[in-house]
């Protein structure tokens, strides 16, 4: 593999994993909030609040945090791609063949 191919593979793999994790995490978080918050929200006497609780998701902040995490992941993947690009992978993979 050439250096560019390896970097492209790493980027594709990590961004796909990060995207899947972000989508699943956001969906599960919003779903759990909608299910759990009305159950655990009570007044001073322990009765459910009236009227019922409306769950509001701050989607703007969700996208800001997701973008920040994406930038961190891109930085880490870029650093790893640079380090791995300097290593002769053929020699490393053949290291145990002699003995």
N, C-alpha and C. Protein backbone atom coordinates (compact mmCIF):
# COMPACT_ATOMS: atom_id res chain seq x y z
N UNK A 1 0.84 -1.18 0.00
CA UNK A 1 0.00 0.00 0.00
C UNK A 1 0.88 1.24 0.00
N UNK A 2 0.47 2.19 -0.75
CA UNK A 2 1.17 3.47 -0.72
C UNK A 2 0.72 4.28 0.48
N UNK A 3 1.49 5.29 0.80
CA UNK A 3 1.21 6.13 1.97
C UNK A 3 -0.15 6.80 1.86
N UNK A 4 -0.49 7.30 0.70
CA UNK A 4 -1.78 7.97 0.50
C UNK A 4 -2.95 7.00 0.63
N UNK A 5 -2.78 5.78 0.13
CA UNK A 5 -3.84 4.78 0.24
C UNK A 5 -4.07 4.40 1.70
N UNK A 6 -2.99 4.25 2.45
CA UNK A 6 -3.11 3.91 3.86
C UNK A 6 -3.80 5.03 4.64
N UNK A 7 -3.41 6.26 4.36
CA UNK A 7 -4.04 7.40 5.03
C UNK A 7 -5.53 7.48 4.69
N UNK A 8 -5.87 7.27 3.43
CA UNK A 8 -7.27 7.31 3.02
C UNK A 8 -8.06 6.19 3.69
N UNK A 9 -7.47 5.02 3.81
CA UNK A 9 -8.14 3.90 4.47
C UNK A 9 -8.38 4.23 5.95
N UNK A 10 -7.37 4.75 6.62
CA UNK A 10 -7.53 5.10 8.03
C UNK A 10 -8.61 6.16 8.22
N UNK A 11 -8.60 7.20 7.38
CA UNK A 11 -9.60 8.26 7.47
C UNK A 11 -11.00 7.69 7.28
N UNK A 12 -11.17 6.88 6.25
CA UNK A 12 -12.48 6.32 5.95
C UNK A 12 -12.98 5.45 7.09
N UNK A 13 -12.10 4.59 7.59
CA UNK A 13 -12.49 3.69 8.67
C UNK A 13 -12.88 4.46 9.94
N UNK A 14 -12.05 5.38 10.36
CA UNK A 14 -12.30 6.09 11.61
C UNK A 14 -13.50 7.03 11.51
N UNK A 15 -13.65 7.69 10.40
CA UNK A 15 -14.80 8.59 10.25
C UNK A 15 -16.11 7.82 10.16
N UNK A 16 -16.09 6.63 9.53
CA UNK A 16 -17.30 5.80 9.50
C UNK A 16 -17.66 5.33 10.91
N UNK A 17 -16.65 4.91 11.68
CA UNK A 17 -16.91 4.48 13.05
C UNK A 17 -17.41 5.65 13.91
N UNK A 18 -16.79 6.80 13.76
CA UNK A 18 -17.21 7.97 14.55
C UNK A 18 -18.62 8.41 14.15
N UNK A 19 -18.92 8.39 12.88
CA UNK A 19 -20.26 8.77 12.43
C UNK A 19 -21.33 7.82 12.95
N UNK A 20 -21.05 6.51 12.88
CA UNK A 20 -22.01 5.54 13.39
C UNK A 20 -22.21 5.71 14.89
N UNK A 21 -21.11 5.92 15.62
CA UNK A 21 -21.21 6.12 17.07
C UNK A 21 -21.98 7.39 17.41
N UNK A 22 -21.74 8.46 16.67
CA UNK A 22 -22.44 9.72 16.94
C UNK A 22 -23.93 9.59 16.68
N UNK A 23 -24.30 8.96 15.58
CA UNK A 23 -25.72 8.79 15.26
C UNK A 23 -26.42 7.89 16.28
N UNK A 24 -25.79 6.75 16.60
CA UNK A 24 -26.40 5.85 17.57
C UNK A 24 -26.47 6.48 18.96
N UNK A 25 -25.40 7.15 19.37
CA UNK A 25 -25.38 7.79 20.68
C UNK A 25 -26.41 8.89 20.81
N UNK A 26 -26.53 9.71 19.78
CA UNK A 26 -27.52 10.79 19.81
C UNK A 26 -28.94 10.24 19.83
N UNK A 27 -29.20 9.25 19.01
CA UNK A 27 -30.54 8.64 18.98
C UNK A 27 -30.89 7.97 20.29
N UNK A 28 -29.95 7.19 20.83
CA UNK A 28 -30.22 6.53 22.11
C UNK A 28 -30.37 7.53 23.24
N UNK A 29 -29.55 8.57 23.26
CA UNK A 29 -29.66 9.59 24.30
C UNK A 29 -30.99 10.31 24.26
N UNK A 30 -31.41 10.71 23.07
CA UNK A 30 -32.70 11.40 22.94
C UNK A 30 -33.86 10.48 23.29
N UNK A 31 -33.77 9.23 22.86
CA UNK A 31 -34.84 8.27 23.16
C UNK A 31 -34.94 7.98 24.66
N UNK A 32 -33.78 7.75 25.29
CA UNK A 32 -33.79 7.50 26.73
C UNK A 32 -34.27 8.71 27.52
N UNK A 33 -33.88 9.90 27.09
CA UNK A 33 -34.35 11.11 27.78
C UNK A 33 -35.87 11.22 27.69
N UNK A 34 -36.42 10.91 26.52
CA UNK A 34 -37.87 11.00 26.35
C UNK A 34 -38.60 9.97 27.20
N UNK A 35 -37.99 8.81 27.43
CA UNK A 35 -38.63 7.76 28.22
C UNK A 35 -38.41 7.96 29.72
N UNK A 36 -37.20 8.31 30.13
CA UNK A 36 -36.85 8.33 31.55
C UNK A 36 -37.22 9.63 32.24
N UNK A 37 -37.03 10.76 31.60
CA UNK A 37 -37.26 12.04 32.28
C UNK A 37 -38.68 12.20 32.83
N UNK A 38 -39.73 11.84 32.10
CA UNK A 38 -41.08 11.97 32.70
C UNK A 38 -41.28 11.07 33.92
N UNK A 39 -40.57 9.94 33.97
CA UNK A 39 -40.74 9.00 35.08
C UNK A 39 -40.03 9.49 36.33
N UNK A 40 -38.85 10.09 36.19
CA UNK A 40 -38.06 10.49 37.36
C UNK A 40 -38.33 11.92 37.81
N UNK A 41 -39.11 12.67 37.07
CA UNK A 41 -39.41 14.05 37.44
C UNK A 41 -40.66 14.08 38.31
N UNK A 42 -40.49 14.47 39.57
CA UNK A 42 -41.60 14.51 40.51
C UNK A 42 -41.59 15.85 41.24
N UNK A 43 -42.72 16.18 41.86
CA UNK A 43 -42.78 17.41 42.64
C UNK A 43 -42.33 17.14 44.08
N UNK A 44 -42.56 18.10 44.97
CA UNK A 44 -42.07 17.99 46.36
C UNK A 44 -42.72 16.83 47.11
N UNK A 45 -43.93 16.44 46.74
CA UNK A 45 -44.61 15.34 47.42
C UNK A 45 -44.34 13.99 46.79
N UNK A 46 -43.59 13.95 45.70
CA UNK A 46 -43.29 12.69 45.02
C UNK A 46 -44.29 12.32 43.95
N UNK A 47 -45.21 13.22 43.63
CA UNK A 47 -46.20 12.97 42.58
C UNK A 47 -45.63 13.43 41.24
N UNK A 48 -46.08 12.80 40.15
CA UNK A 48 -45.65 13.26 38.83
C UNK A 48 -46.08 14.71 38.61
N UNK A 49 -45.27 15.47 37.92
CA UNK A 49 -45.58 16.87 37.66
C UNK A 49 -46.74 16.97 36.67
N UNK A 50 -47.50 18.03 36.83
CA UNK A 50 -48.61 18.28 35.91
C UNK A 50 -48.52 19.70 35.43
N UNK A 51 -48.58 19.99 34.19
CA UNK A 51 -48.71 19.10 33.05
C UNK A 51 -47.43 18.30 32.82
N UNK A 52 -47.52 17.30 31.98
CA UNK A 52 -46.40 16.40 31.72
C UNK A 52 -45.17 17.12 31.20
N UNK A 53 -44.04 16.51 31.43
CA UNK A 53 -42.76 17.09 31.05
C UNK A 53 -42.53 16.96 29.55
N UNK A 54 -42.10 18.04 28.92
CA UNK A 54 -41.74 18.00 27.51
C UNK A 54 -40.22 17.92 27.42
N UNK A 55 -39.73 16.93 26.71
CA UNK A 55 -38.29 16.78 26.52
C UNK A 55 -37.85 17.64 25.35
N UNK A 56 -36.91 18.52 25.59
CA UNK A 56 -36.42 19.41 24.54
C UNK A 56 -34.92 19.16 24.36
N UNK A 57 -34.53 18.81 23.15
CA UNK A 57 -33.13 18.53 22.83
C UNK A 57 -32.52 19.77 22.18
N UNK A 58 -31.43 20.29 22.74
CA UNK A 58 -30.76 21.45 22.12
C UNK A 58 -29.91 21.00 20.92
N UNK A 59 -30.56 20.84 19.77
CA UNK A 59 -29.88 20.27 18.60
C UNK A 59 -28.69 21.11 18.16
N UNK A 60 -28.73 22.40 18.35
CA UNK A 60 -27.58 23.24 17.99
C UNK A 60 -26.33 22.83 18.75
N UNK A 61 -26.46 22.66 20.07
CA UNK A 61 -25.33 22.22 20.88
C UNK A 61 -24.91 20.79 20.56
N UNK A 62 -25.87 19.96 20.23
CA UNK A 62 -25.53 18.58 19.84
C UNK A 62 -24.62 18.61 18.61
N UNK A 63 -24.95 19.45 17.62
CA UNK A 63 -24.14 19.51 16.40
C UNK A 63 -22.79 20.15 16.67
N UNK A 64 -22.73 21.13 17.57
CA UNK A 64 -21.44 21.75 17.92
C UNK A 64 -20.52 20.72 18.57
N UNK A 65 -21.05 19.96 19.52
CA UNK A 65 -20.23 18.95 20.20
C UNK A 65 -19.83 17.85 19.21
N UNK A 66 -20.75 17.42 18.36
CA UNK A 66 -20.42 16.40 17.36
C UNK A 66 -19.34 16.90 16.41
N UNK A 67 -19.41 18.16 16.02
CA UNK A 67 -18.37 18.73 15.16
C UNK A 67 -17.02 18.79 15.86
N UNK A 68 -17.02 19.17 17.14
CA UNK A 68 -15.78 19.21 17.90
C UNK A 68 -15.15 17.83 18.04
N UNK A 69 -15.97 16.83 18.33
CA UNK A 69 -15.47 15.46 18.43
C UNK A 69 -14.93 14.99 17.09
N UNK A 70 -15.60 15.34 16.01
CA UNK A 70 -15.13 14.98 14.68
C UNK A 70 -13.77 15.59 14.39
N UNK A 71 -13.58 16.85 14.77
CA UNK A 71 -12.28 17.49 14.57
C UNK A 71 -11.18 16.80 15.38
N UNK A 72 -11.48 16.42 16.61
CA UNK A 72 -10.49 15.71 17.43
C UNK A 72 -10.15 14.36 16.79
N UNK A 73 -11.16 13.64 16.34
CA UNK A 73 -10.91 12.35 15.70
C UNK A 73 -10.08 12.53 14.43
N UNK A 74 -10.38 13.55 13.64
CA UNK A 74 -9.59 13.81 12.42
C UNK A 74 -8.15 14.12 12.76
N UNK A 75 -7.92 14.89 13.83
CA UNK A 75 -6.56 15.19 14.25
C UNK A 75 -5.80 13.95 14.68
N UNK A 76 -6.44 13.10 15.47
CA UNK A 76 -5.80 11.87 15.93
C UNK A 76 -5.50 10.95 14.75
N UNK A 77 -6.46 10.80 13.84
CA UNK A 77 -6.25 9.94 12.67
C UNK A 77 -5.13 10.49 11.80
N UNK A 78 -5.06 11.80 11.64
CA UNK A 78 -3.97 12.40 10.86
C UNK A 78 -2.61 12.11 11.50
N UNK A 79 -2.54 12.25 12.82
CA UNK A 79 -1.29 11.95 13.51
C UNK A 79 -0.89 10.50 13.38
N UNK A 80 -1.85 9.59 13.53
CA UNK A 80 -1.55 8.17 13.39
C UNK A 80 -1.14 7.85 11.96
N UNK A 81 -1.78 8.46 10.98
CA UNK A 81 -1.43 8.21 9.58
C UNK A 81 -0.01 8.68 9.29
N UNK A 82 0.41 9.80 9.89
CA UNK A 82 1.79 10.26 9.69
C UNK A 82 2.79 9.30 10.30
N UNK A 83 2.50 8.81 11.51
CA UNK A 83 3.42 7.88 12.17
C UNK A 83 3.49 6.56 11.40
N UNK A 84 2.34 6.04 11.02
CA UNK A 84 2.31 4.77 10.29
C UNK A 84 2.92 4.94 8.90
N UNK A 85 2.78 6.11 8.31
CA UNK A 85 3.37 6.35 6.99
C UNK A 85 4.89 6.31 6.99
N UNK A 86 5.53 6.56 8.11
CA UNK A 86 6.99 6.51 8.20
C UNK A 86 7.53 5.10 8.40
N UNK A 87 6.67 4.18 8.81
CA UNK A 87 7.09 2.82 9.10
C UNK A 87 7.06 1.99 7.83
N UNK A 88 8.10 1.16 7.64
CA UNK A 88 8.11 0.23 6.51
C UNK A 88 7.28 -0.98 6.92
N UNK A 89 6.02 -1.00 6.49
CA UNK A 89 5.10 -2.04 6.92
C UNK A 89 5.52 -3.42 6.45
N UNK A 90 6.13 -3.50 5.29
CA UNK A 90 6.59 -4.80 4.79
C UNK A 90 7.61 -5.42 5.73
N UNK A 91 8.56 -4.63 6.20
CA UNK A 91 9.57 -5.15 7.12
C UNK A 91 8.96 -5.51 8.47
N UNK A 92 8.04 -4.70 8.93
CA UNK A 92 7.38 -4.99 10.22
C UNK A 92 6.56 -6.26 10.14
N UNK A 93 5.84 -6.47 9.06
CA UNK A 93 5.02 -7.65 8.92
C UNK A 93 5.84 -8.92 8.73
N UNK A 94 7.05 -8.80 8.19
CA UNK A 94 7.92 -9.96 8.00
C UNK A 94 8.87 -10.18 9.18
N UNK A 95 8.73 -9.44 10.25
CA UNK A 95 9.68 -9.49 11.35
C UNK A 95 9.78 -10.86 11.99
N UNK A 96 8.73 -11.62 12.08
CA UNK A 96 8.76 -12.90 12.77
C UNK A 96 9.00 -14.09 11.86
N UNK A 97 9.25 -13.90 10.57
CA UNK A 97 9.40 -15.01 9.64
C UNK A 97 10.71 -15.77 9.80
N UNK A 98 11.76 -15.12 10.24
CA UNK A 98 13.07 -15.76 10.29
C UNK A 98 13.21 -16.75 11.44
N UNK A 99 12.57 -16.54 12.53
CA UNK A 99 12.84 -17.37 13.70
C UNK A 99 11.63 -18.00 14.17
